[in-house]
Amino acid sequence: MKLKLDEALDIPLRSVDREIENIVKHDKDVPRSSTLAKSIIDLVRSGGKRVRPLMVIVGSRFGPSPDERKIWRLAAAAEFIHAASLIHDDIIDDSPVRRGQKALHVKIGINEALHVGNYMSARVIELISVYSADRERYVYDLSSLATTQLCLGEYQQLAHLYDYNVTVEEYLEKSRNKTAQLMATCLRIGAQAAGANEETADLLYSFGEKLGMAFQIRDDILDFTQSAEKLGKPAGSDLRKGQVTLPVLYALQDEELAPSIRAISADTPAEVTDLVIAAIQHSDALQKSECLSAQYLDEARDIINRLSHYPAHRDLLVLLQYFGGRES
């Protein structure tokens, strides 16, 4: 039987979840019976692989002096940032489902869900304020991600809906801001919190960034290749909502296919969009996207080789296998 990611990394997922739940349970300003507290606890218990907190813990294994309390708090904070971004993503994308269940804004309303997401982002800043010494200011990388790069990535996505003149470089920048930088930061702050040297911490950041880029590209490919049952939405949902992802950008390079793609707008009938999506699926766009994802994974593998003198490099191999082996 294939091990789950947390099992392969020998990190107890229940302990991660407990630490995340404690963030809200120990907040004296939030009654446990409140919609806010209940919503966050429900989010935690709805599932998820906890990739980002696991990355914080993996990063800490590259340092000589890990402070377990600090590491676990940072890990929980990373998941809080990620979960808050998902709440906002679902509202902006008008996605009714998250992890096979009703999205939070569908359950409790848009205004209430925004309040939950904003609280989670702000709570992270409060959590890390205890690490205010100059030598530990790296932990503010997490809060800056919550308020800058993630928001910038979402804005870049919104600003280019149905924009078929987006370049591959712009797509990659958006993916870096929206997805890759948080993963990269998780590895780096874990290492720095454990006293790793800067060269090692920077290599881990680069490794995480490349994994994150491969992850986002793979996610965009899966939007075209997975069944509607697995996706919980029709294939090609990103394009239907105006998101111009890498497979679409590569398909636009096909002179015969490009005009029909460019004709898609918010008012395009579903049956017309279905035909265009099928054409993209049968083009070489998905294969080209796979090649770029594989290139990022190869670059990540090279970084593992540079860190092979650390026993924890085996954990990086586990992460590489996980990101490179997602089901198609």
Protein backbone atom coordinates (compact mmCIF):
# COMPACT_ATOMS: atom_id res chain seq x y z
CA MET A 1 0.00 0.00 0.00
CA LYS A 2 1.28 3.43 -0.96
CA LEU A 3 2.14 5.57 2.06
CA LYS A 4 0.45 8.92 2.52
CA LEU A 5 2.69 11.97 2.40
CA ASP A 6 2.66 12.55 6.17
CA GLU A 7 3.42 8.84 6.79
CA ALA A 8 6.27 8.83 4.29
CA LEU A 9 7.74 11.88 6.05
CA ASP A 10 7.10 10.37 9.51
CA ILE A 11 5.16 13.41 10.66
CA PRO A 12 1.93 12.74 12.63
CA LEU A 13 -0.81 14.57 10.73
CA ARG A 14 -3.11 14.61 13.75
CA SER A 15 -0.50 16.56 15.68
CA VAL A 16 -0.33 19.08 12.84
CA ASP A 17 -4.12 19.45 12.85
CA ARG A 18 -4.18 19.83 16.63
CA GLU A 19 -1.65 22.64 16.45
CA ILE A 20 -3.72 24.39 13.77
CA GLU A 21 -6.90 24.06 15.81
CA ASN A 22 -5.11 25.42 18.89
CA ILE A 23 -4.56 28.73 17.09
CA VAL A 24 -8.25 29.53 17.30
CA LYS A 25 -9.02 27.57 20.48
CA HIS A 26 -6.42 29.59 22.41
CA ASP A 27 -7.59 32.94 21.07
CA LYS A 28 -9.38 34.47 24.08
CA ASP A 29 -11.14 36.99 21.82
CA VAL A 30 -12.93 34.29 19.83
CA PRO A 31 -15.71 32.35 21.62
CA ARG A 32 -15.54 28.64 20.81
CA SER A 33 -19.26 28.67 20.02
CA SER A 34 -18.90 31.47 17.47
CA THR A 35 -19.39 30.99 13.75
CA LEU A 36 -15.78 32.09 13.29
CA ALA A 37 -14.34 29.39 15.55
CA LYS A 38 -16.65 26.67 14.28
CA SER A 39 -15.90 27.53 10.65
CA ILE A 40 -12.15 27.30 11.14
CA ILE A 41 -12.38 24.03 13.06
CA ASP A 42 -14.62 22.63 10.31
CA LEU A 43 -12.07 23.73 7.71
CA VAL A 44 -9.29 21.92 9.54
CA ARG A 45 -11.34 18.77 9.94
CA SER A 46 -12.53 18.74 6.33
CA GLY A 47 -9.29 17.11 5.25
CA GLY A 48 -6.25 18.10 3.25
CA LYS A 49 -2.70 16.81 3.03
CA ARG A 50 -1.19 19.74 4.99
CA VAL A 51 1.63 20.03 2.45
CA ARG A 52 2.77 23.46 3.61
CA PRO A 53 3.09 22.73 7.35
CA LEU A 54 4.80 19.47 6.47
CA MET A 55 7.30 21.49 4.44
CA VAL A 56 8.05 23.72 7.43
CA ILE A 57 8.82 20.64 9.51
CA VAL A 58 10.92 19.07 6.74
CA GLY A 59 12.90 22.32 6.44
CA SER A 60 13.63 22.23 10.18
CA ARG A 61 15.37 18.88 9.72
CA PHE A 62 18.19 20.69 7.92
CA GLY A 63 19.12 22.76 10.98
CA PRO A 64 21.24 21.78 13.99
CA SER A 65 18.99 23.21 16.72
CA PRO A 66 15.26 22.89 16.02
CA ASP A 67 12.97 24.52 18.58
CA GLU A 68 10.01 22.15 18.36
CA ARG A 69 7.48 24.62 19.80
CA LYS A 70 8.49 27.32 17.36
CA ILE A 71 8.58 24.94 14.39
CA TRP A 72 5.09 23.61 15.01
CA ARG A 73 3.69 27.10 15.52
CA LEU A 74 5.19 28.25 12.23
CA ALA A 75 3.84 25.13 10.54
CA ALA A 76 0.34 25.89 11.81
CA ALA A 77 0.67 29.52 10.71
CA ALA A 78 1.59 28.38 7.20
CA GLU A 79 -1.58 26.31 6.95
CA PHE A 80 -3.62 29.25 8.25
CA ILE A 81 -2.29 31.41 5.41
CA HIS A 82 -3.02 28.71 2.85
CA ALA A 83 -6.53 28.04 4.17
CA ALA A 84 -7.34 31.76 4.21
CA SER A 85 -6.21 32.07 0.59
CA LEU A 86 -8.49 29.17 -0.38
CA ILE A 87 -11.48 30.91 1.21
CA HIS A 88 -10.79 34.04 -0.81
CA ASP A 89 -10.07 32.01 -3.97
CA ASP A 90 -13.40 30.22 -3.75
CA ILE A 91 -15.27 33.49 -3.35
CA ILE A 92 -13.47 35.18 -6.24
CA ASP A 93 -13.77 32.12 -8.50
CA ASP A 94 -17.39 31.51 -7.43
CA SER A 95 -16.46 27.89 -6.65
CA PRO A 96 -19.25 26.13 -4.74
CA VAL A 97 -17.19 23.10 -3.66
CA ARG A 98 -13.97 22.62 -1.71
CA ARG A 99 -12.62 19.14 -0.92
CA GLY A 100 -15.89 17.53 -1.91
CA GLN A 101 -17.94 19.69 0.45
CA LYS A 102 -19.74 23.00 0.17
CA ALA A 103 -17.27 25.89 0.11
CA LEU A 104 -17.30 28.07 3.21
CA HIS A 105 -18.95 31.06 1.51
CA VAL A 106 -21.77 28.77 0.40
CA LYS A 107 -22.21 27.46 3.95
CA ILE A 108 -22.18 30.72 5.88
CA GLY A 109 -22.41 33.52 3.31
CA ILE A 110 -19.84 35.61 1.46
CA ASN A 111 -19.49 38.37 4.06
CA GLU A 112 -19.04 35.89 6.89
CA ALA A 113 -16.53 33.84 4.90
CA LEU A 114 -14.52 36.97 4.12
CA HIS A 115 -14.44 37.72 7.84
CA VAL A 116 -13.09 34.22 8.56
CA GLY A 117 -10.42 34.53 5.86
CA ASN A 118 -9.37 37.99 7.04
CA TYR A 119 -9.19 36.82 10.66
CA MET A 120 -6.97 33.90 9.70
CA SER A 121 -4.58 36.15 7.77
CA ALA A 122 -4.39 38.69 10.62
CA ARG A 123 -4.00 36.00 13.28
CA VAL A 124 -0.81 34.82 11.61
CA ILE A 125 0.81 38.21 12.20
CA GLU A 126 -0.19 38.04 15.86
CA LEU A 127 1.17 34.52 16.19
CA ILE A 128 4.61 35.34 14.88
CA SER A 129 4.92 38.63 16.75
CA VAL A 130 6.50 36.69 19.63
CA TYR A 131 9.52 36.16 17.36
CA SER A 132 10.37 39.83 17.05
CA ALA A 133 14.11 39.73 17.66
CA ASP A 134 16.18 40.95 14.72
CA ARG A 135 17.80 37.56 14.31
CA GLU A 136 14.39 35.98 13.87
CA ARG A 137 12.79 38.50 11.57
CA TYR A 138 12.71 35.91 8.79
CA VAL A 139 9.42 34.65 10.23
CA TYR A 140 7.82 37.80 8.87
CA ASP A 141 8.24 36.24 5.44
CA LEU A 142 5.04 34.37 6.28
CA SER A 143 2.99 37.45 7.11
CA SER A 144 4.31 39.32 4.09
CA LEU A 145 3.19 36.43 1.91
CA ALA A 146 -0.28 36.65 3.41
CA THR A 147 -0.58 40.33 2.59
CA THR A 148 1.46 40.77 -0.60
CA GLN A 149 2.49 37.91 -2.87
CA LEU A 150 -0.65 35.81 -2.47
CA CYS A 151 -2.86 38.85 -2.99
CA LEU A 152 -0.74 39.95 -5.93
CA GLY A 153 -1.04 36.53 -7.53
CA GLU A 154 -4.81 36.58 -7.15
CA TYR A 155 -4.98 40.11 -8.55
CA GLN A 156 -2.84 39.10 -11.52
CA GLN A 157 -5.28 36.26 -12.20
CA LEU A 158 -8.32 38.53 -11.93
CA ALA A 159 -6.76 41.24 -14.08
CA HIS A 160 -6.23 38.83 -16.96
CA LEU A 161 -9.58 37.02 -17.17
CA TYR A 162 -10.30 36.16 -20.81
CA ASP A 163 -7.04 37.91 -21.73
CA TYR A 164 -5.55 35.77 -24.45
CA ASN A 165 -2.57 38.07 -24.89
CA VAL A 166 -1.04 36.99 -21.59
CA THR A 167 2.51 35.72 -22.05
CA VAL A 168 3.96 32.53 -20.64
CA GLU A 169 6.28 34.69 -18.54
CA GLU A 170 3.30 36.51 -17.00
CA TYR A 171 1.60 33.19 -16.27
CA LEU A 172 4.73 31.93 -14.54
CA GLU A 173 5.03 35.10 -12.45
CA LYS A 174 1.41 34.76 -11.34
CA SER A 175 1.96 31.09 -10.46
CA ARG A 176 5.07 31.98 -8.49
CA ASN A 177 3.19 34.60 -6.46
CA LYS A 178 0.02 32.58 -5.99
CA THR A 179 1.47 29.14 -5.29
CA ALA A 180 5.22 28.61 -5.37
CA GLN A 181 6.48 31.28 -2.98
CA LEU A 182 4.49 30.04 0.00
CA MET A 183 5.84 26.50 -0.47
CA ALA A 184 9.36 27.83 -0.86
CA THR A 185 9.05 30.05 2.21
CA CYS A 186 7.76 27.15 4.30
CA LEU A 187 10.92 25.14 3.68
CA ARG A 188 13.20 28.10 4.24
CA ILE A 189 11.67 29.35 7.49
CA GLY A 190 11.67 25.81 8.87
CA ALA A 191 15.38 25.59 8.16
CA GLN A 192 16.12 29.06 9.51
CA ALA A 193 14.11 28.43 12.68
CA ALA A 194 16.30 25.39 13.27
CA GLY A 195 19.54 27.32 12.81
CA ALA A 196 20.45 26.18 9.29
CA ASN A 197 23.04 28.23 7.43
CA GLU A 198 21.86 30.68 4.79
CA GLU A 199 23.19 28.67 1.84
CA THR A 200 21.17 25.63 2.89
CA ALA A 201 18.08 27.74 3.60
CA ASP A 202 18.33 29.40 0.18
CA LEU A 203 18.72 26.04 -1.57
CA LEU A 204 15.61 24.79 0.20
CA TYR A 205 13.75 27.92 -0.91
CA SER A 206 14.76 27.29 -4.51
CA PHE A 207 13.75 23.65 -4.21
CA GLY A 208 10.33 24.62 -2.83
CA GLU A 209 9.80 27.24 -5.51
CA LYS A 210 10.48 24.75 -8.28
CA LEU A 211 8.16 22.20 -6.67
CA GLY A 212 5.48 24.86 -6.37
CA MET A 213 5.78 25.81 -10.04
CA ALA A 214 5.57 22.16 -11.08
CA PHE A 215 2.58 21.73 -8.75
CA GLN A 216 0.67 24.68 -10.25
CA ILE A 217 1.36 23.62 -13.83
CA ARG A 218 0.30 20.07 -13.00
CA ASP A 219 -2.87 21.41 -11.39
CA ASP A 220 -3.67 23.35 -14.55
CA ILE A 221 -3.11 20.21 -16.63
CA LEU A 222 -5.38 18.16 -14.37
CA ASP A 223 -8.15 20.69 -15.02
CA PHE A 224 -8.19 19.32 -18.57
CA THR A 225 -7.39 15.65 -17.96
CA GLN A 226 -9.16 14.51 -14.79
CA SER A 227 -12.72 13.27 -14.82
CA ALA A 228 -15.52 15.56 -13.68
CA GLU A 229 -16.09 13.15 -10.78
CA LYS A 230 -12.54 13.61 -9.48
CA LEU A 231 -12.48 17.35 -10.13
CA GLY A 232 -15.90 17.99 -8.67
CA LYS A 233 -16.48 20.30 -11.66
CA PRO A 234 -16.53 20.03 -15.46
CA ALA A 235 -13.21 19.58 -17.28
CA GLY A 236 -11.77 22.88 -18.45
CA SER A 237 -13.44 24.84 -15.66
CA ASP A 238 -10.56 27.33 -15.49
CA LEU A 239 -11.05 28.32 -19.13
CA ARG A 240 -14.81 28.48 -18.68
CA LYS A 241 -14.19 31.09 -15.98
CA GLY A 242 -11.71 33.03 -18.08
CA GLN A 243 -8.49 31.80 -16.49
CA VAL A 244 -5.81 31.54 -19.16
CA THR A 245 -3.55 28.77 -17.88
CA LEU A 246 -0.42 27.26 -19.41
CA PRO A 247 -2.21 24.61 -21.54
CA VAL A 248 -4.36 27.37 -23.03
CA LEU A 249 -1.30 29.53 -23.74
CA TYR A 250 0.39 26.66 -25.56
CA ALA A 251 -2.82 25.87 -27.47
CA LEU A 252 -2.96 29.51 -28.57
CA GLN A 253 0.31 28.92 -30.42
CA ASP A 254 -1.66 26.67 -32.80
CA GLU A 255 -2.82 29.02 -35.58
CA GLU A 256 -5.82 26.85 -36.40
CA LEU A 257 -6.97 26.49 -32.80
CA ALA A 258 -6.22 30.02 -31.58
CA PRO A 259 -9.26 31.83 -33.15
CA SER A 260 -11.78 29.51 -31.46
CA ILE A 261 -10.03 29.93 -28.09
CA ARG A 262 -9.93 33.72 -28.42
CA ALA A 263 -13.66 33.72 -29.16
CA ILE A 264 -14.49 32.31 -25.72
CA SER A 265 -15.98 34.86 -23.34
CA ALA A 266 -18.24 34.88 -20.31
CA ASP A 267 -21.23 34.74 -22.67
CA THR A 268 -20.07 31.78 -24.75
CA PRO A 269 -22.58 28.88 -24.71
CA ALA A 270 -21.32 25.83 -22.79
CA GLU A 271 -21.58 23.55 -25.81
CA VAL A 272 -19.26 25.82 -27.81
CA THR A 273 -16.73 25.93 -24.98
CA ASP A 274 -16.96 22.13 -24.70
CA LEU A 275 -15.75 21.79 -28.31
CA VAL A 276 -12.80 24.12 -27.73
CA ILE A 277 -11.82 22.28 -24.55
CA ALA A 278 -11.91 18.97 -26.42
CA ALA A 279 -9.69 20.47 -29.12
CA ILE A 280 -7.16 21.61 -26.48
CA GLN A 281 -7.23 18.12 -24.94
CA HIS A 282 -6.33 16.59 -28.30
CA SER A 283 -3.62 19.15 -29.12
CA ASP A 284 0.01 19.03 -28.02
CA ALA A 285 -0.60 21.78 -25.44
CA LEU A 286 -0.91 19.36 -22.51
CA GLN A 287 2.28 17.55 -23.49
CA LYS A 288 4.17 20.85 -23.72
CA SER A 289 2.87 21.80 -20.29
CA GLU A 290 3.97 18.43 -18.91
CA CYS A 291 7.45 19.05 -20.29
CA LEU A 292 7.78 22.36 -18.47
CA SER A 293 6.51 20.81 -15.24
CA ALA A 294 9.06 18.00 -15.65
CA GLN A 295 11.81 20.58 -16.21
CA TYR A 296 11.04 22.22 -12.86
CA LEU A 297 11.08 18.80 -11.19
CA ASP A 298 14.46 17.98 -12.77
CA GLU A 299 15.86 21.25 -11.44
CA ALA A 300 14.48 20.40 -8.01
CA ARG A 301 16.17 17.00 -8.18
CA ASP A 302 19.49 18.70 -8.90
CA ILE A 303 19.10 20.72 -5.69
CA ILE A 304 18.50 17.51 -3.72
CA ASN A 305 21.83 16.23 -4.99
CA ARG A 306 23.50 19.38 -3.64
CA LEU A 307 21.96 18.67 -0.23
CA SER A 308 22.68 14.94 -0.23
CA HIS A 309 25.07 15.22 2.75
CA TYR A 310 22.04 15.93 4.95
CA PRO A 311 20.07 12.82 6.01
CA ALA A 312 16.92 14.92 5.54
CA HIS A 313 17.53 15.01 1.78
CA ARG A 314 15.47 11.81 1.73
CA ASP A 315 12.47 13.88 2.79
CA LEU A 316 13.02 16.10 -0.23
CA LEU A 317 12.95 12.99 -2.41
CA VAL A 318 9.58 12.09 -0.84
CA LEU A 319 8.25 15.56 -1.67
CA LEU A 320 9.62 15.32 -5.20
CA GLN A 321 7.92 11.97 -5.73
CA TYR A 322 4.66 13.34 -4.35
CA PHE A 323 4.65 16.42 -6.58
CA GLY A 324 5.83 14.51 -9.62
CA GLY A 325 3.44 11.60 -9.25
CA ARG A 326 0.05 13.28 -9.00
CA GLU A 327 -2.68 11.34 -10.76
CA SER A 328 -3.59 12.41 -14.27
